[in-house]
Amino acid sequence: MSARDAILKRLYERADGPLAVPESDFAVVTRRGWSHEERLARFERWITSVHGEVIHVAAHDWTTALAGVLTAKGVRRLALGREHPVAAEARQALADVAVELVDADRDIEAWQQEQFERVDAGLTSTRGGIAETGSLWLWPTPDEPRLLSLVPPIHIAVLDADTLEDTFFDVVERHGWASGMPTNALLVSGPSKTADIEQTLAYGVHGPRELVVLVRHAGGAAGTDA
């Protein structure tokens, strides 16, 4: 009998019977009951507390705000996908803007050096956001590979306001992660940050130094009271 089997045998033969899985209604990780406005306020408060930037935009005119961000931050080369509606709309809107659009749907070996050295920003869609932690969640695809949000100095993410959930548990439950989780999922809660032994926090050392979230509102841009 192996050591593992011996340990399991002792557990199964406990004097007070086998161990049972404790019952839980998971109330500690869900059921916040926040309104739409409260979710927006909490999301913005937490993500901006770690140097994320939030811009509220009207869904029908979000590309105007995108163009403004690119100009303000001096972005000359923007990496993005092709197939997702966010990428398709951005490509159409930026056709006459002095920004070079870099195709992201390529094998990483074909443009690795270009991505690390000559791309100023990456644009991605998001699947939603988490109000409790101020996080975005992304499911990378061949059209929007994960390095698109992890490598360029600036990550611009487009979030629909009505896709905000209260907690991470709510996201996992509502979207059926147990039966349909991708090979990887990304949770983004701000720009890349790290700290040395003296606890001096630095941004952008191992990834984007800036995160800009364009929050799209179906009925027009709306602010929040954080």
C-alpha atoms as a PDB file:
ATOM      1  CA  MET A   1       0.000   0.000   0.000  1.00  0.00           C
ATOM      2  CA  SER A   2       1.373   3.404  -0.961  1.00  0.00           C
ATOM      3  CA  ALA A   3       1.723   6.250   1.549  1.00  0.00           C
ATOM      4  CA  ARG A   4      -1.102   8.080  -0.234  1.00  0.00           C
ATOM      5  CA  ASP A   5      -3.416   5.062   0.022  1.00  0.00           C
ATOM      6  CA  ALA A   6      -2.534   4.609   3.683  1.00  0.00           C
ATOM      7  CA  ILE A   7      -3.423   8.224   4.481  1.00  0.00           C
ATOM      8  CA  LEU A   8      -6.721   7.966   2.589  1.00  0.00           C
ATOM      9  CA  LYS A   9      -7.521   4.676   4.334  1.00  0.00           C
ATOM     10  CA  ARG A  10      -7.080   6.288   7.746  1.00  0.00           C
ATOM     11  CA  LEU A  11      -9.350   9.154   6.729  1.00  0.00           C
ATOM     12  CA  TYR A  12     -12.046   6.807   5.422  1.00  0.00           C
ATOM     13  CA  GLU A  13     -11.925   4.678   8.577  1.00  0.00           C
ATOM     14  CA  ARG A  14     -12.296   7.555  11.028  1.00  0.00           C
ATOM     15  CA  ALA A  15     -13.951   6.542  14.303  1.00  0.00           C
ATOM     16  CA  ASP A  16     -16.706   9.120  13.817  1.00  0.00           C
ATOM     17  CA  GLY A  17     -17.431   8.063  10.254  1.00  0.00           C
ATOM     18  CA  PRO A  18     -16.293   9.303   6.844  1.00  0.00           C
ATOM     19  CA  LEU A  19     -15.770  12.986   6.164  1.00  0.00           C
ATOM     20  CA  ALA A  20     -18.763  14.713   4.603  1.00  0.00           C
ATOM     21  CA  VAL A  21     -18.748  17.699   2.321  1.00  0.00           C
ATOM     22  CA  PRO A  22     -20.076  20.639   4.344  1.00  0.00           C
ATOM     23  CA  GLU A  23     -23.202  22.313   3.088  1.00  0.00           C
ATOM     24  CA  SER A  24     -22.911  25.920   1.934  1.00  0.00           C
ATOM     25  CA  ASP A  25     -25.191  28.413   0.231  1.00  0.00           C
ATOM     26  CA  PHE A  26     -22.122  30.447  -0.876  1.00  0.00           C
ATOM     27  CA  ALA A  27     -23.710  33.581   0.614  1.00  0.00           C
ATOM     28  CA  VAL A  28     -20.277  34.934   1.536  1.00  0.00           C
ATOM     29  CA  VAL A  29     -19.259  35.236  -2.142  1.00  0.00           C
ATOM     30  CA  THR A  30     -22.520  36.287  -3.786  1.00  0.00           C
ATOM     31  CA  ARG A  31     -25.919  37.956  -3.211  1.00  0.00           C
ATOM     32  CA  ARG A  32     -24.637  41.512  -2.865  1.00  0.00           C
ATOM     33  CA  GLY A  33     -27.864  42.924  -4.263  1.00  0.00           C
ATOM     34  CA  TRP A  34     -26.253  46.034  -5.710  1.00  0.00           C
ATOM     35  CA  SER A  35     -28.088  48.179  -8.227  1.00  0.00           C
ATOM     36  CA  HIS A  36     -26.661  48.921 -11.666  1.00  0.00           C
ATOM     37  CA  GLU A  37     -25.487  52.337 -10.456  1.00  0.00           C
ATOM     38  CA  GLU A  38     -23.846  50.822  -7.358  1.00  0.00           C
ATOM     39  CA  ARG A  39     -21.998  48.257  -9.453  1.00  0.00           C
ATOM     40  CA  LEU A  40     -20.656  50.994 -11.733  1.00  0.00           C
ATOM     41  CA  ALA A  41     -19.564  53.130  -8.798  1.00  0.00           C
ATOM     42  CA  ARG A  42     -17.814  50.265  -7.028  1.00  0.00           C
ATOM     43  CA  PHE A  43     -16.100  49.056 -10.197  1.00  0.00           C
ATOM     44  CA  GLU A  44     -14.784  52.535 -10.986  1.00  0.00           C
ATOM     45  CA  ARG A  45     -13.680  53.220  -7.431  1.00  0.00           C
ATOM     46  CA  TRP A  46     -11.617  50.052  -7.161  1.00  0.00           C
ATOM     47  CA  ILE A  47     -10.022  50.043 -10.609  1.00  0.00           C
ATOM     48  CA  THR A  48      -9.043  53.708 -10.426  1.00  0.00           C
ATOM     49  CA  SER A  49      -7.573  53.157  -6.958  1.00  0.00           C
ATOM     50  CA  VAL A  50      -4.793  51.150  -8.650  1.00  0.00           C
ATOM     51  CA  HIS A  51      -4.191  53.665 -11.471  1.00  0.00           C
ATOM     52  CA  GLY A  52      -6.742  52.342 -13.947  1.00  0.00           C
ATOM     53  CA  GLU A  53      -8.457  55.042 -16.022  1.00  0.00           C
ATOM     54  CA  VAL A  54     -12.199  54.924 -16.682  1.00  0.00           C
ATOM     55  CA  ILE A  55     -13.920  56.881 -19.460  1.00  0.00           C
ATOM     56  CA  HIS A  56     -17.713  56.716 -19.792  1.00  0.00           C
ATOM     57  CA  VAL A  57     -18.912  56.827 -23.384  1.00  0.00           C
ATOM     58  CA  ALA A  58     -22.104  56.431 -25.381  1.00  0.00           C
ATOM     59  CA  ALA A  59     -22.224  53.046 -27.085  1.00  0.00           C
ATOM     60  CA  HIS A  60     -23.082  54.587 -30.457  1.00  0.00           C
ATOM     61  CA  ASP A  61     -20.104  56.971 -30.359  1.00  0.00           C
ATOM     62  CA  TRP A  62     -17.422  55.129 -28.382  1.00  0.00           C
ATOM     63  CA  THR A  63     -14.909  55.194 -31.243  1.00  0.00           C
ATOM     64  CA  THR A  64     -14.742  58.988 -31.006  1.00  0.00           C
ATOM     65  CA  ALA A  65     -13.516  58.621 -27.431  1.00  0.00           C
ATOM     66  CA  LEU A  66     -11.083  55.931 -28.583  1.00  0.00           C
ATOM     67  CA  ALA A  67      -9.590  58.274 -31.175  1.00  0.00           C
ATOM     68  CA  GLY A  68      -9.259  60.943 -28.501  1.00  0.00           C
ATOM     69  CA  VAL A  69      -7.402  58.553 -26.163  1.00  0.00           C
ATOM     70  CA  LEU A  70      -4.996  57.544 -28.910  1.00  0.00           C
ATOM     71  CA  THR A  71      -4.237  61.179 -29.707  1.00  0.00           C
ATOM     72  CA  ALA A  72      -3.851  62.218 -26.075  1.00  0.00           C
ATOM     73  CA  LYS A  73      -1.451  59.373 -25.306  1.00  0.00           C
ATOM     74  CA  GLY A  74       0.549  59.684 -28.515  1.00  0.00           C
ATOM     75  CA  VAL A  75      -0.292  56.213 -29.788  1.00  0.00           C
ATOM     76  CA  ARG A  76       1.074  55.702 -33.298  1.00  0.00           C
ATOM     77  CA  ARG A  77       0.741  51.921 -33.608  1.00  0.00           C
ATOM     78  CA  LEU A  78      -2.337  50.133 -32.237  1.00  0.00           C
ATOM     79  CA  ALA A  79      -2.608  46.340 -32.156  1.00  0.00           C
ATOM     80  CA  LEU A  80      -6.103  44.855 -32.413  1.00  0.00           C
ATOM     81  CA  GLY A  81      -8.095  41.968 -33.790  1.00  0.00           C
ATOM     82  CA  ARG A  82     -10.313  41.817 -36.864  1.00  0.00           C
ATOM     83  CA  GLU A  83     -13.402  39.682 -36.216  1.00  0.00           C
ATOM     84  CA  HIS A  84     -14.802  40.917 -32.908  1.00  0.00           C
ATOM     85  CA  PRO A  85     -17.287  43.801 -33.332  1.00  0.00           C
ATOM     86  CA  VAL A  86     -15.116  46.021 -31.111  1.00  0.00           C
ATOM     87  CA  ALA A  87     -12.114  45.548 -33.393  1.00  0.00           C
ATOM     88  CA  ALA A  88     -14.191  45.832 -36.556  1.00  0.00           C
ATOM     89  CA  GLU A  89     -15.808  49.107 -35.435  1.00  0.00           C
ATOM     90  CA  ALA A  90     -12.457  50.514 -34.341  1.00  0.00           C
ATOM     91  CA  ARG A  91     -10.840  49.674 -37.678  1.00  0.00           C
ATOM     92  CA  GLN A  92     -13.595  51.414 -39.590  1.00  0.00           C
ATOM     93  CA  ALA A  93     -13.551  54.505 -37.360  1.00  0.00           C
ATOM     94  CA  LEU A  94      -9.761  54.835 -37.410  1.00  0.00           C
ATOM     95  CA  ALA A  95      -9.345  54.392 -41.142  1.00  0.00           C
ATOM     96  CA  ASP A  96      -8.651  58.103 -41.626  1.00  0.00           C
ATOM     97  CA  VAL A  97      -6.763  58.655 -38.364  1.00  0.00           C
ATOM     98  CA  ALA A  98      -2.976  58.863 -38.300  1.00  0.00           C
ATOM     99  CA  VAL A  99      -2.605  55.602 -36.386  1.00  0.00           C
ATOM    100  CA  GLU A 100      -1.127  52.436 -37.860  1.00  0.00           C
ATOM    101  CA  LEU A 101      -3.347  49.426 -37.171  1.00  0.00           C
ATOM    102  CA  VAL A 102      -1.356  46.301 -36.376  1.00  0.00           C
ATOM    103  CA  ASP A 103      -2.973  42.909 -36.940  1.00  0.00           C
ATOM    104  CA  ALA A 104      -2.979  40.781 -33.795  1.00  0.00           C
ATOM    105  CA  ASP A 105      -4.391  37.581 -35.303  1.00  0.00           C
ATOM    106  CA  ARG A 106      -0.981  36.199 -36.258  1.00  0.00           C
ATOM    107  CA  ASP A 107       1.248  33.468 -34.903  1.00  0.00           C
ATOM    108  CA  ILE A 108       3.257  35.012 -32.074  1.00  0.00           C
ATOM    109  CA  GLU A 109       6.517  33.847 -33.611  1.00  0.00           C
ATOM    110  CA  ALA A 110       5.764  35.912 -36.712  1.00  0.00           C
ATOM    111  CA  TRP A 111       5.532  39.219 -34.851  1.00  0.00           C
ATOM    112  CA  GLN A 112       6.936  38.707 -31.360  1.00  0.00           C
ATOM    113  CA  GLN A 113       9.715  41.282 -31.678  1.00  0.00           C
ATOM    114  CA  GLU A 114       7.346  43.774 -33.307  1.00  0.00           C
ATOM    115  CA  GLN A 115       4.808  43.339 -30.511  1.00  0.00           C
ATOM    116  CA  PHE A 116       7.335  43.847 -27.740  1.00  0.00           C
ATOM    117  CA  GLU A 117       9.263  46.701 -29.315  1.00  0.00           C
ATOM    118  CA  ARG A 118       7.108  48.654 -31.756  1.00  0.00           C
ATOM    119  CA  VAL A 119       3.478  48.508 -30.595  1.00  0.00           C
ATOM    120  CA  ASP A 120       2.278  51.446 -28.493  1.00  0.00           C
ATOM    121  CA  ALA A 121      -1.093  50.076 -27.356  1.00  0.00           C
ATOM    122  CA  GLY A 122      -3.397  47.077 -27.567  1.00  0.00           C
ATOM    123  CA  LEU A 123      -7.176  47.246 -27.920  1.00  0.00           C
ATOM    124  CA  THR A 124      -9.390  44.439 -26.609  1.00  0.00           C
ATOM    125  CA  SER A 125     -13.006  43.687 -25.951  1.00  0.00           C
ATOM    126  CA  THR A 126     -14.048  42.313 -22.555  1.00  0.00           C
ATOM    127  CA  ARG A 127     -16.608  39.722 -21.558  1.00  0.00           C
ATOM    128  CA  GLY A 128     -17.619  41.742 -18.503  1.00  0.00           C
ATOM    129  CA  GLY A 129     -16.518  43.308 -15.248  1.00  0.00           C
ATOM    130  CA  ILE A 130     -16.608  42.582 -11.515  1.00  0.00           C
ATOM    131  CA  ALA A 131     -17.839  45.358  -9.249  1.00  0.00           C
ATOM    132  CA  GLU A 132     -16.541  43.932  -5.967  1.00  0.00           C
ATOM    133  CA  THR A 133     -12.890  43.949  -7.064  1.00  0.00           C
ATOM    134  CA  GLY A 134     -12.847  46.447  -9.919  1.00  0.00           C
ATOM    135  CA  SER A 135     -11.791  43.786 -12.405  1.00  0.00           C
ATOM    136  CA  LEU A 136     -12.301  43.038 -16.091  1.00  0.00           C
ATOM    137  CA  TRP A 137     -12.583  39.492 -17.351  1.00  0.00           C
ATOM    138  CA  LEU A 138     -11.413  38.484 -20.810  1.00  0.00           C
ATOM    139  CA  TRP A 139     -11.471  35.234 -22.736  1.00  0.00           C
ATOM    140  CA  PRO A 140      -8.603  35.372 -25.231  1.00  0.00           C
ATOM    141  CA  THR A 141      -9.213  34.063 -28.751  1.00  0.00           C
ATOM    142  CA  PRO A 142      -7.012  33.686 -31.848  1.00  0.00           C
ATOM    143  CA  ASP A 143      -8.489  37.020 -32.974  1.00  0.00           C
ATOM    144  CA  GLU A 144      -7.665  38.679 -29.626  1.00  0.00           C
ATOM    145  CA  PRO A 145      -4.742  36.694 -28.137  1.00  0.00           C
ATOM    146  CA  ARG A 146      -3.921  37.182 -24.475  1.00  0.00           C
ATOM    147  CA  LEU A 147      -0.627  38.965 -25.198  1.00  0.00           C
ATOM    148  CA  LEU A 148      -2.669  41.785 -26.734  1.00  0.00           C
ATOM    149  CA  SER A 149      -3.606  42.868 -23.209  1.00  0.00           C
ATOM    150  CA  LEU A 150      -0.390  41.795 -21.478  1.00  0.00           C
ATOM    151  CA  VAL A 151       2.455  43.198 -23.589  1.00  0.00           C
ATOM    152  CA  PRO A 152       1.830  46.684 -25.092  1.00  0.00           C
ATOM    153  CA  PRO A 153       2.617  49.661 -22.815  1.00  0.00           C
ATOM    154  CA  ILE A 154      -1.037  50.732 -22.915  1.00  0.00           C
ATOM    155  CA  HIS A 155      -4.049  48.414 -22.723  1.00  0.00           C
ATOM    156  CA  ILE A 156      -7.335  49.912 -23.914  1.00  0.00           C
ATOM    157  CA  ALA A 157     -10.318  47.757 -22.940  1.00  0.00           C
ATOM    158  CA  VAL A 158     -13.933  48.218 -24.008  1.00  0.00           C
ATOM    159  CA  LEU A 159     -16.502  47.273 -21.366  1.00  0.00           C
ATOM    160  CA  ASP A 160     -20.272  47.347 -21.793  1.00  0.00           C
ATOM    161  CA  ALA A 161     -21.791  48.808 -18.629  1.00  0.00           C
ATOM    162  CA  ASP A 162     -24.586  46.242 -18.508  1.00  0.00           C
ATOM    163  CA  THR A 163     -22.118  43.319 -18.340  1.00  0.00           C
ATOM    164  CA  LEU A 164     -20.947  44.197 -14.828  1.00  0.00           C
ATOM    165  CA  GLU A 165     -21.566  41.495 -12.210  1.00  0.00           C
ATOM    166  CA  ASP A 166     -21.401  41.888  -8.443  1.00  0.00           C
ATOM    167  CA  THR A 167     -18.760  39.248  -7.653  1.00  0.00           C
ATOM    168  CA  PHE A 168     -16.396  36.791  -9.313  1.00  0.00           C
ATOM    169  CA  PHE A 169     -18.622  33.947  -8.103  1.00  0.00           C
ATOM    170  CA  ASP A 170     -21.555  35.504  -9.960  1.00  0.00           C
ATOM    171  CA  VAL A 171     -19.512  35.591 -13.163  1.00  0.00           C
ATOM    172  CA  VAL A 172     -18.490  31.934 -12.842  1.00  0.00           C
ATOM    173  CA  GLU A 173     -22.049  30.804 -12.089  1.00  0.00           C
ATOM    174  CA  ARG A 174     -23.933  32.950 -14.591  1.00  0.00           C
ATOM    175  CA  HIS A 175     -21.640  32.216 -17.501  1.00  0.00           C
ATOM    176  CA  GLY A 176     -21.206  28.493 -16.870  1.00  0.00           C
ATOM    177  CA  TRP A 177     -17.455  28.409 -16.440  1.00  0.00           C
ATOM    178  CA  ALA A 178     -17.643  24.892 -14.986  1.00  0.00           C
ATOM    179  CA  SER A 179     -18.768  23.488 -18.323  1.00  0.00           C
ATOM    180  CA  GLY A 180     -17.343  25.976 -20.797  1.00  0.00           C
ATOM    181  CA  MET A 181     -14.147  27.526 -19.473  1.00  0.00           C
ATOM    182  CA  PRO A 182     -11.519  28.368 -22.104  1.00  0.00           C
ATOM    183  CA  THR A 183      -7.889  27.260 -21.944  1.00  0.00           C
ATOM    184  CA  ASN A 184      -7.208  30.493 -20.116  1.00  0.00           C
ATOM    185  CA  ALA A 185      -9.201  33.388 -18.719  1.00  0.00           C
ATOM    186  CA  LEU A 186      -7.776  36.772 -17.793  1.00  0.00           C
ATOM    187  CA  LEU A 187      -8.736  38.921 -14.822  1.00  0.00           C
ATOM    188  CA  VAL A 188      -7.424  42.477 -15.186  1.00  0.00           C
ATOM    189  CA  SER A 189      -7.631  44.783 -12.177  1.00  0.00           C
ATOM    190  CA  GLY A 190      -5.340  47.620 -13.282  1.00  0.00           C
ATOM    191  CA  PRO A 191      -2.001  48.249 -14.986  1.00  0.00           C
ATOM    192  CA  SER A 192       0.864  45.842 -14.413  1.00  0.00           C
ATOM    193  CA  LYS A 193       2.473  46.431 -11.027  1.00  0.00           C
ATOM    194  CA  THR A 194       5.170  44.918  -8.870  1.00  0.00           C
ATOM    195  CA  ALA A 195       7.053  45.764  -5.675  1.00  0.00           C
ATOM    196  CA  ASP A 196      10.625  45.274  -4.502  1.00  0.00           C
ATOM    197  CA  ILE A 197      11.758  44.051  -1.103  1.00  0.00           C
ATOM    198  CA  GLU A 198      11.270  47.548   0.314  1.00  0.00           C
ATOM    199  CA  GLN A 199       7.630  47.465  -0.860  1.00  0.00           C
ATOM    200  CA  THR A 200       8.120  50.268  -3.363  1.00  0.00           C
ATOM    201  CA  LEU A 201       5.330  49.811  -5.911  1.00  0.00           C
ATOM    202  CA  ALA A 202       6.214  50.221  -9.591  1.00  0.00           C
ATOM    203  CA  TYR A 203       3.862  50.153 -12.570  1.00  0.00           C
ATOM    204  CA  GLY A 204       4.497  48.779 -16.054  1.00  0.00           C
ATOM    205  CA  VAL A 205       7.588  46.716 -15.258  1.00  0.00           C
ATOM    206  CA  HIS A 206       6.223  43.416 -16.577  1.00  0.00           C
ATOM    207  CA  GLY A 207       3.304  44.588 -18.731  1.00  0.00           C
ATOM    208  CA  PRO A 208       1.106  47.576 -19.518  1.00  0.00           C
ATOM    209  CA  ARG A 209       1.937  50.702 -17.549  1.00  0.00           C
ATOM    210  CA  GLU A 210      -1.512  52.123 -18.343  1.00  0.00           C
ATOM    211  CA  LEU A 211      -5.005  50.653 -18.453  1.00  0.00           C
ATOM    212  CA  VAL A 212      -7.799  52.672 -20.046  1.00  0.00           C
ATOM    213  CA  VAL A 213     -11.341  51.290 -19.756  1.00  0.00           C
ATOM    214  CA  LEU A 214     -13.953  52.686 -22.123  1.00  0.00           C
ATOM    215  CA  VAL A 215     -17.255  51.941 -20.391  1.00  0.00           C
ATOM    216  CA  ARG A 216     -20.025  51.928 -23.000  1.00  0.00           C
ATOM    217  CA  HIS A 217     -23.550  52.935 -21.992  1.00  0.00           C
ATOM    218  CA  ALA A 218     -26.410  51.912 -24.265  1.00  0.00           C
ATOM    219  CA  GLY A 219     -28.446  55.010 -23.475  1.00  0.00           C
ATOM    220  CA  GLY A 220     -25.544  57.444 -23.652  1.00  0.00           C
ATOM    221  CA  ALA A 221     -22.520  58.173 -21.488  1.00  0.00           C
ATOM    222  CA  ALA A 222     -23.174  58.302 -17.756  1.00  0.00           C
ATOM    223  CA  GLY A 223     -20.935  59.134 -14.848  1.00  0.00           C
ATOM    224  CA  THR A 224     -20.919  57.564 -11.410  1.00  0.00           C
ATOM    225  CA  ASP A 225     -20.528  58.881  -7.907  1.00  0.00           C
ATOM    226  CA  ALA A 226     -17.665  56.762  -6.619  1.00  0.00           C
END
